[in-house]
Amino acid sequence: MVGERISPDERTATTTVDLQEVRADVRQAYERGRRDERASRRRHPIFMTLTFAAAICGVALLALAAVNGSFGAGGEVADQNLSAAVNQAEPQVRDAASQAGQSLHDAGATAKAKATGSSS
C-alpha cells in the first residue's frame, strides 16, 4: 500500500536483496566488458610467431655481444656461424632440387607413355 510504513527488518532485507542484485549486474557487465575487450585485441598467430622469433633472435644477438665484449664481435660470430650453415646446406639443397626435378621428369615420361599406350 502507498504510504505504508516499512519496518526496520523489512528495510534491511529489501536493501540486502537490492544490493546483491546490483552486485550481480555489475559483475555481469564487467565480465561482458572483459570479453568484448579481449575479442577486440585478438592477434594473428602467424604475426605473433614471427614476433617471438624476432625477439629470440634479438636476445641471441645480445647474448653474443655480451659474451664477445662488443656488438661488432658478436655480429662477426653470428655471420661466421650463418655462413658455415649456408655452406653445409647449399649442396644438400641443390641435390634435393635436382632429385625432385628428375622425379618430375620421370613421372611425366611415365604418364606420357601410359597415355600413348592406352590410346592405341
N, C-alpha and C. Protein backbone atom coordinates (compact mmCIF):
# COMPACT_ATOMS: atom_id res chain seq x y z
N MET A 1 0.83 -1.18 0.00
CA MET A 1 0.00 0.00 0.00
C MET A 1 0.87 1.24 0.00
N VAL A 2 0.34 2.27 -0.61
CA VAL A 2 1.06 3.52 -0.68
C VAL A 2 0.98 4.19 0.68
N GLY A 3 2.13 4.70 1.13
CA GLY A 3 2.15 5.40 2.39
C GLY A 3 2.31 4.48 3.59
N GLU A 4 2.45 3.21 3.37
CA GLU A 4 2.60 2.27 4.48
C GLU A 4 4.01 2.34 5.00
N ARG A 5 4.15 2.23 6.28
CA ARG A 5 5.47 2.27 6.90
C ARG A 5 6.14 0.91 6.76
N ILE A 6 7.47 0.95 6.53
CA ILE A 6 8.25 -0.28 6.41
C ILE A 6 9.01 -0.45 7.72
N SER A 7 8.93 -1.64 8.26
CA SER A 7 9.64 -1.90 9.50
C SER A 7 11.14 -1.96 9.22
N PRO A 8 11.99 -1.75 10.22
CA PRO A 8 13.44 -1.81 10.01
C PRO A 8 13.90 -3.16 9.47
N ASP A 9 13.26 -4.25 9.87
CA ASP A 9 13.64 -5.57 9.37
C ASP A 9 13.36 -5.69 7.87
N GLU A 10 12.21 -5.20 7.44
CA GLU A 10 11.86 -5.26 6.03
C GLU A 10 12.79 -4.37 5.20
N ARG A 11 13.15 -3.19 5.75
CA ARG A 11 14.03 -2.27 5.04
C ARG A 11 15.40 -2.91 4.83
N THR A 12 15.94 -3.59 5.83
CA THR A 12 17.24 -4.24 5.72
C THR A 12 17.18 -5.38 4.71
N ALA A 13 16.12 -6.17 4.72
CA ALA A 13 16.00 -7.28 3.78
C ALA A 13 15.89 -6.76 2.35
N THR A 14 15.13 -5.70 2.16
CA THR A 14 14.97 -5.13 0.82
C THR A 14 16.30 -4.55 0.33
N THR A 15 17.02 -3.86 1.19
CA THR A 15 18.30 -3.27 0.82
C THR A 15 19.32 -4.34 0.50
N THR A 16 19.34 -5.43 1.25
CA THR A 16 20.28 -6.52 1.01
C THR A 16 20.01 -7.18 -0.33
N VAL A 17 18.75 -7.42 -0.65
CA VAL A 17 18.39 -8.04 -1.92
C VAL A 17 18.76 -7.10 -3.06
N ASP A 18 18.45 -5.82 -2.93
CA ASP A 18 18.78 -4.85 -3.97
C ASP A 18 20.29 -4.76 -4.16
N LEU A 19 21.04 -4.77 -3.08
CA LEU A 19 22.50 -4.68 -3.14
C LEU A 19 23.07 -5.92 -3.84
N GLN A 20 22.54 -7.09 -3.55
CA GLN A 20 23.02 -8.31 -4.20
C GLN A 20 22.70 -8.29 -5.69
N GLU A 21 21.52 -7.80 -6.05
CA GLU A 21 21.16 -7.71 -7.46
C GLU A 21 22.08 -6.73 -8.19
N VAL A 22 22.37 -5.61 -7.56
CA VAL A 22 23.26 -4.62 -8.16
C VAL A 22 24.66 -5.21 -8.34
N ARG A 23 25.15 -5.90 -7.33
CA ARG A 23 26.48 -6.51 -7.43
C ARG A 23 26.52 -7.55 -8.56
N ALA A 24 25.47 -8.35 -8.68
CA ALA A 24 25.41 -9.35 -9.76
C ALA A 24 25.38 -8.66 -11.13
N ASP A 25 24.60 -7.58 -11.24
CA ASP A 25 24.54 -6.85 -12.51
C ASP A 25 25.89 -6.22 -12.85
N VAL A 26 26.56 -5.66 -11.86
CA VAL A 26 27.87 -5.04 -12.10
C VAL A 26 28.88 -6.11 -12.51
N ARG A 27 28.84 -7.25 -11.86
CA ARG A 27 29.77 -8.33 -12.20
C ARG A 27 29.53 -8.83 -13.64
N GLN A 28 28.28 -8.99 -14.03
CA GLN A 28 27.97 -9.42 -15.39
C GLN A 28 28.44 -8.39 -16.42
N ALA A 29 28.22 -7.12 -16.12
CA ALA A 29 28.67 -6.07 -17.04
C ALA A 29 30.19 -6.06 -17.14
N TYR A 30 30.87 -6.27 -16.02
CA TYR A 30 32.34 -6.32 -16.02
C TYR A 30 32.84 -7.48 -16.87
N GLU A 31 32.25 -8.65 -16.72
CA GLU A 31 32.66 -9.82 -17.49
C GLU A 31 32.38 -9.62 -18.98
N ARG A 32 31.22 -9.01 -19.31
CA ARG A 32 30.93 -8.71 -20.71
C ARG A 32 31.97 -7.75 -21.29
N GLY A 33 32.35 -6.76 -20.53
CA GLY A 33 33.37 -5.81 -20.98
C GLY A 33 34.71 -6.47 -21.19
N ARG A 34 35.08 -7.38 -20.30
CA ARG A 34 36.35 -8.10 -20.47
C ARG A 34 36.34 -8.94 -21.73
N ARG A 35 35.23 -9.66 -21.97
CA ARG A 35 35.13 -10.49 -23.18
C ARG A 35 35.20 -9.63 -24.44
N ASP A 36 34.49 -8.51 -24.43
CA ASP A 36 34.50 -7.62 -25.60
C ASP A 36 35.90 -7.08 -25.87
N GLU A 37 36.59 -6.67 -24.83
CA GLU A 37 37.94 -6.12 -24.99
C GLU A 37 38.91 -7.18 -25.47
N ARG A 38 38.81 -8.39 -24.92
CA ARG A 38 39.68 -9.48 -25.35
C ARG A 38 39.43 -9.82 -26.81
N ALA A 39 38.18 -9.80 -27.23
CA ALA A 39 37.86 -10.10 -28.63
C ALA A 39 38.40 -9.03 -29.56
N SER A 40 38.41 -7.79 -29.12
CA SER A 40 38.91 -6.71 -29.98
C SER A 40 40.43 -6.73 -30.08
N ARG A 41 41.12 -7.38 -29.17
CA ARG A 41 42.58 -7.45 -29.19
C ARG A 41 43.10 -8.79 -29.68
N ARG A 42 42.29 -9.55 -30.35
CA ARG A 42 42.71 -10.85 -30.85
C ARG A 42 43.85 -10.68 -31.85
N ARG A 43 44.89 -11.49 -31.72
CA ARG A 43 46.08 -11.35 -32.55
C ARG A 43 46.17 -12.52 -33.53
N HIS A 44 46.83 -12.26 -34.64
CA HIS A 44 47.02 -13.29 -35.66
C HIS A 44 48.16 -14.21 -35.25
N PRO A 45 47.99 -15.53 -35.29
CA PRO A 45 49.02 -16.45 -34.81
C PRO A 45 50.32 -16.38 -35.60
N ILE A 46 50.25 -16.16 -36.91
CA ILE A 46 51.49 -16.10 -37.70
C ILE A 46 52.29 -14.85 -37.32
N PHE A 47 51.58 -13.73 -37.18
CA PHE A 47 52.26 -12.49 -36.80
C PHE A 47 52.91 -12.64 -35.43
N MET A 48 52.22 -13.26 -34.50
CA MET A 48 52.78 -13.44 -33.16
C MET A 48 53.97 -14.39 -33.19
N THR A 49 53.93 -15.43 -34.02
CA THR A 49 55.05 -16.35 -34.15
C THR A 49 56.27 -15.62 -34.70
N LEU A 50 56.07 -14.80 -35.73
CA LEU A 50 57.18 -14.03 -36.28
C LEU A 50 57.74 -13.03 -35.27
N THR A 51 56.87 -12.44 -34.48
CA THR A 51 57.32 -11.51 -33.45
C THR A 51 58.18 -12.22 -32.41
N PHE A 52 57.73 -13.40 -31.98
CA PHE A 52 58.52 -14.15 -30.99
C PHE A 52 59.84 -14.62 -31.59
N ALA A 53 59.84 -15.03 -32.85
CA ALA A 53 61.09 -15.45 -33.49
C ALA A 53 62.07 -14.30 -33.57
N ALA A 54 61.58 -13.11 -33.92
CA ALA A 54 62.45 -11.93 -33.97
C ALA A 54 62.98 -11.59 -32.59
N ALA A 55 62.15 -11.73 -31.58
CA ALA A 55 62.59 -11.45 -30.21
C ALA A 55 63.67 -12.44 -29.77
N ILE A 56 63.51 -13.69 -30.12
CA ILE A 56 64.51 -14.71 -29.76
C ILE A 56 65.84 -14.42 -30.46
N CYS A 57 65.77 -14.03 -31.75
CA CYS A 57 67.00 -13.67 -32.47
C CYS A 57 67.67 -12.48 -31.82
N GLY A 58 66.90 -11.51 -31.43
CA GLY A 58 67.45 -10.33 -30.76
C GLY A 58 68.14 -10.69 -29.45
N VAL A 59 67.51 -11.54 -28.67
CA VAL A 59 68.11 -11.96 -27.40
C VAL A 59 69.40 -12.73 -27.66
N ALA A 60 69.40 -13.58 -28.70
CA ALA A 60 70.61 -14.35 -29.03
C ALA A 60 71.75 -13.41 -29.43
N LEU A 61 71.44 -12.39 -30.23
CA LEU A 61 72.49 -11.44 -30.63
C LEU A 61 72.99 -10.63 -29.45
N LEU A 62 72.10 -10.27 -28.54
CA LEU A 62 72.54 -9.56 -27.33
C LEU A 62 73.45 -10.45 -26.48
N ALA A 63 73.11 -11.74 -26.39
CA ALA A 63 73.94 -12.67 -25.63
C ALA A 63 75.32 -12.81 -26.28
N LEU A 64 75.36 -12.92 -27.61
CA LEU A 64 76.65 -12.98 -28.31
C LEU A 64 77.47 -11.72 -28.08
N ALA A 65 76.82 -10.58 -28.10
CA ALA A 65 77.52 -9.33 -27.86
C ALA A 65 78.08 -9.29 -26.44
N ALA A 66 77.31 -9.79 -25.48
CA ALA A 66 77.78 -9.79 -24.09
C ALA A 66 78.95 -10.75 -23.91
N VAL A 67 78.88 -11.91 -24.55
CA VAL A 67 79.95 -12.90 -24.40
C VAL A 67 81.23 -12.42 -25.08
N ASN A 68 81.11 -11.80 -26.26
CA ASN A 68 82.29 -11.39 -27.03
C ASN A 68 82.76 -9.99 -26.70
N GLY A 69 82.06 -9.28 -25.87
CA GLY A 69 82.52 -7.97 -25.42
C GLY A 69 82.05 -6.81 -26.26
N SER A 70 81.52 -7.03 -27.44
CA SER A 70 81.01 -5.92 -28.25
C SER A 70 80.02 -6.45 -29.27
N PHE A 71 79.24 -5.52 -29.80
CA PHE A 71 78.26 -5.91 -30.82
C PHE A 71 78.95 -6.30 -32.12
N GLY A 72 80.06 -5.65 -32.43
CA GLY A 72 80.81 -5.98 -33.65
C GLY A 72 81.32 -7.41 -33.61
N ALA A 73 81.92 -7.78 -32.49
CA ALA A 73 82.45 -9.14 -32.36
C ALA A 73 81.31 -10.16 -32.32
N GLY A 74 80.21 -9.83 -31.66
CA GLY A 74 79.06 -10.74 -31.62
C GLY A 74 78.45 -10.92 -33.00
N GLY A 75 78.37 -9.84 -33.78
CA GLY A 75 77.87 -9.94 -35.15
C GLY A 75 78.78 -10.76 -36.04
N GLU A 76 80.09 -10.61 -35.81
CA GLU A 76 81.06 -11.39 -36.59
C GLU A 76 80.89 -12.89 -36.32
N VAL A 77 80.70 -13.25 -35.07
CA VAL A 77 80.49 -14.66 -34.72
C VAL A 77 79.19 -15.17 -35.36
N ALA A 78 78.14 -14.36 -35.31
CA ALA A 78 76.86 -14.76 -35.92
C ALA A 78 77.02 -14.93 -37.43
N ASP A 79 77.73 -14.01 -38.07
CA ASP A 79 77.96 -14.12 -39.52
C ASP A 79 78.75 -15.38 -39.87
N GLN A 80 79.77 -15.69 -39.08
CA GLN A 80 80.57 -16.90 -39.35
C GLN A 80 79.71 -18.15 -39.22
N ASN A 81 78.88 -18.19 -38.18
CA ASN A 81 78.02 -19.36 -37.98
C ASN A 81 76.99 -19.49 -39.11
N LEU A 82 76.43 -18.37 -39.53
CA LEU A 82 75.44 -18.42 -40.62
C LEU A 82 76.09 -18.84 -41.93
N SER A 83 77.29 -18.33 -42.22
CA SER A 83 77.94 -18.71 -43.47
C SER A 83 78.34 -20.19 -43.45
N ALA A 84 78.74 -20.71 -42.31
CA ALA A 84 79.06 -22.14 -42.20
C ALA A 84 77.80 -22.98 -42.44
N ALA A 85 76.68 -22.54 -41.89
CA ALA A 85 75.42 -23.28 -42.08
C ALA A 85 75.00 -23.24 -43.55
N VAL A 86 75.16 -22.10 -44.19
CA VAL A 86 74.80 -21.98 -45.61
C VAL A 86 75.69 -22.88 -46.45
N ASN A 87 77.00 -22.88 -46.17
CA ASN A 87 77.93 -23.71 -46.94
C ASN A 87 77.62 -25.20 -46.79
N GLN A 88 77.17 -25.62 -45.63
CA GLN A 88 76.84 -27.03 -45.43
C GLN A 88 75.49 -27.38 -46.05
N ALA A 89 74.56 -26.45 -46.04
CA ALA A 89 73.21 -26.74 -46.51
C ALA A 89 73.08 -26.60 -48.03
N GLU A 90 73.88 -25.76 -48.64
CA GLU A 90 73.73 -25.49 -50.07
C GLU A 90 73.85 -26.73 -50.94
N PRO A 91 74.86 -27.59 -50.78
CA PRO A 91 74.93 -28.79 -51.63
C PRO A 91 73.74 -29.73 -51.42
N GLN A 92 73.28 -29.85 -50.20
CA GLN A 92 72.15 -30.74 -49.93
C GLN A 92 70.88 -30.20 -50.57
N VAL A 93 70.68 -28.91 -50.53
CA VAL A 93 69.50 -28.31 -51.15
C VAL A 93 69.58 -28.47 -52.66
N ARG A 94 70.76 -28.24 -53.22
CA ARG A 94 70.94 -28.39 -54.67
C ARG A 94 70.65 -29.83 -55.10
N ASP A 95 71.16 -30.81 -54.35
CA ASP A 95 70.90 -32.22 -54.67
C ASP A 95 69.42 -32.56 -54.56
N ALA A 96 68.77 -32.05 -53.53
CA ALA A 96 67.33 -32.32 -53.35
C ALA A 96 66.54 -31.73 -54.50
N ALA A 97 66.90 -30.52 -54.94
CA ALA A 97 66.19 -29.90 -56.06
C ALA A 97 66.43 -30.69 -57.34
N SER A 98 67.65 -31.16 -57.53
CA SER A 98 67.96 -31.95 -58.72
C SER A 98 67.17 -33.26 -58.73
N GLN A 99 67.12 -33.91 -57.59
CA GLN A 99 66.36 -35.16 -57.49
C GLN A 99 64.87 -34.92 -57.71
N ALA A 100 64.36 -33.82 -57.19
CA ALA A 100 62.94 -33.51 -57.40
C ALA A 100 62.66 -33.25 -58.87
N GLY A 101 63.56 -32.52 -59.53
CA GLY A 101 63.40 -32.27 -60.97
C GLY A 101 63.43 -33.55 -61.77
N GLN A 102 64.36 -34.45 -61.43
CA GLN A 102 64.46 -35.72 -62.14
C GLN A 102 63.21 -36.57 -61.90
N SER A 103 62.69 -36.56 -60.67
CA SER A 103 61.47 -37.32 -60.36
C SER A 103 60.29 -36.78 -61.16
N LEU A 104 60.17 -35.47 -61.28
CA LEU A 104 59.09 -34.89 -62.08
C LEU A 104 59.24 -35.27 -63.55
N HIS A 105 60.47 -35.25 -64.05
CA HIS A 105 60.72 -35.62 -65.44
C HIS A 105 60.32 -37.08 -65.68
N ASP A 106 60.73 -37.96 -64.75
CA ASP A 106 60.39 -39.39 -64.87
C ASP A 106 58.88 -39.61 -64.79
N ALA A 107 58.22 -38.90 -63.89
CA ALA A 107 56.77 -39.05 -63.75
C ALA A 107 56.06 -38.57 -65.01
N GLY A 108 56.56 -37.49 -65.59
CA GLY A 108 55.96 -37.00 -66.84
C GLY A 108 56.14 -37.99 -67.97
N ALA A 109 57.34 -38.59 -68.06
CA ALA A 109 57.61 -39.56 -69.11
C ALA A 109 56.73 -40.81 -68.93
N THR A 110 56.55 -41.24 -67.67
CA THR A 110 55.71 -42.41 -67.39
C THR A 110 54.26 -42.12 -67.76
N ALA A 111 53.78 -40.94 -67.39
CA ALA A 111 52.40 -40.59 -67.70
C ALA A 111 52.21 -40.49 -69.21
N LYS A 112 53.18 -39.96 -69.90
CA LYS A 112 53.09 -39.83 -71.36
C LYS A 112 53.08 -41.22 -72.01
N ALA A 113 53.91 -42.12 -71.49
CA ALA A 113 53.96 -43.49 -72.02
C ALA A 113 52.64 -44.22 -71.79
N LYS A 114 52.04 -44.05 -70.62
CA LYS A 114 50.76 -44.67 -70.32
C LYS A 114 49.66 -44.12 -71.21
N ALA A 115 49.69 -42.82 -71.45
CA ALA A 115 48.66 -42.19 -72.29
C ALA A 115 48.81 -42.65 -73.73
N THR A 116 50.03 -42.77 -74.19
CA THR A 116 50.27 -43.21 -75.56
C THR A 116 49.89 -44.69 -75.71
N GLY A 117 50.23 -45.51 -74.71
CA GLY A 117 49.94 -46.94 -74.76
C GLY A 117 48.47 -47.24 -74.63
N SER A 118 47.71 -46.51 -73.86
CA SER A 118 46.29 -46.79 -73.64
C SER A 118 45.43 -46.28 -74.78
N SER A 119 45.87 -45.26 -75.52
CA SER A 119 45.05 -44.74 -76.62
C SER A 119 45.20 -45.58 -77.87
N SER A 120 46.19 -46.48 -78.00
CA SER A 120 46.42 -47.29 -79.21
C SER A 120 45.47 -48.43 -79.31
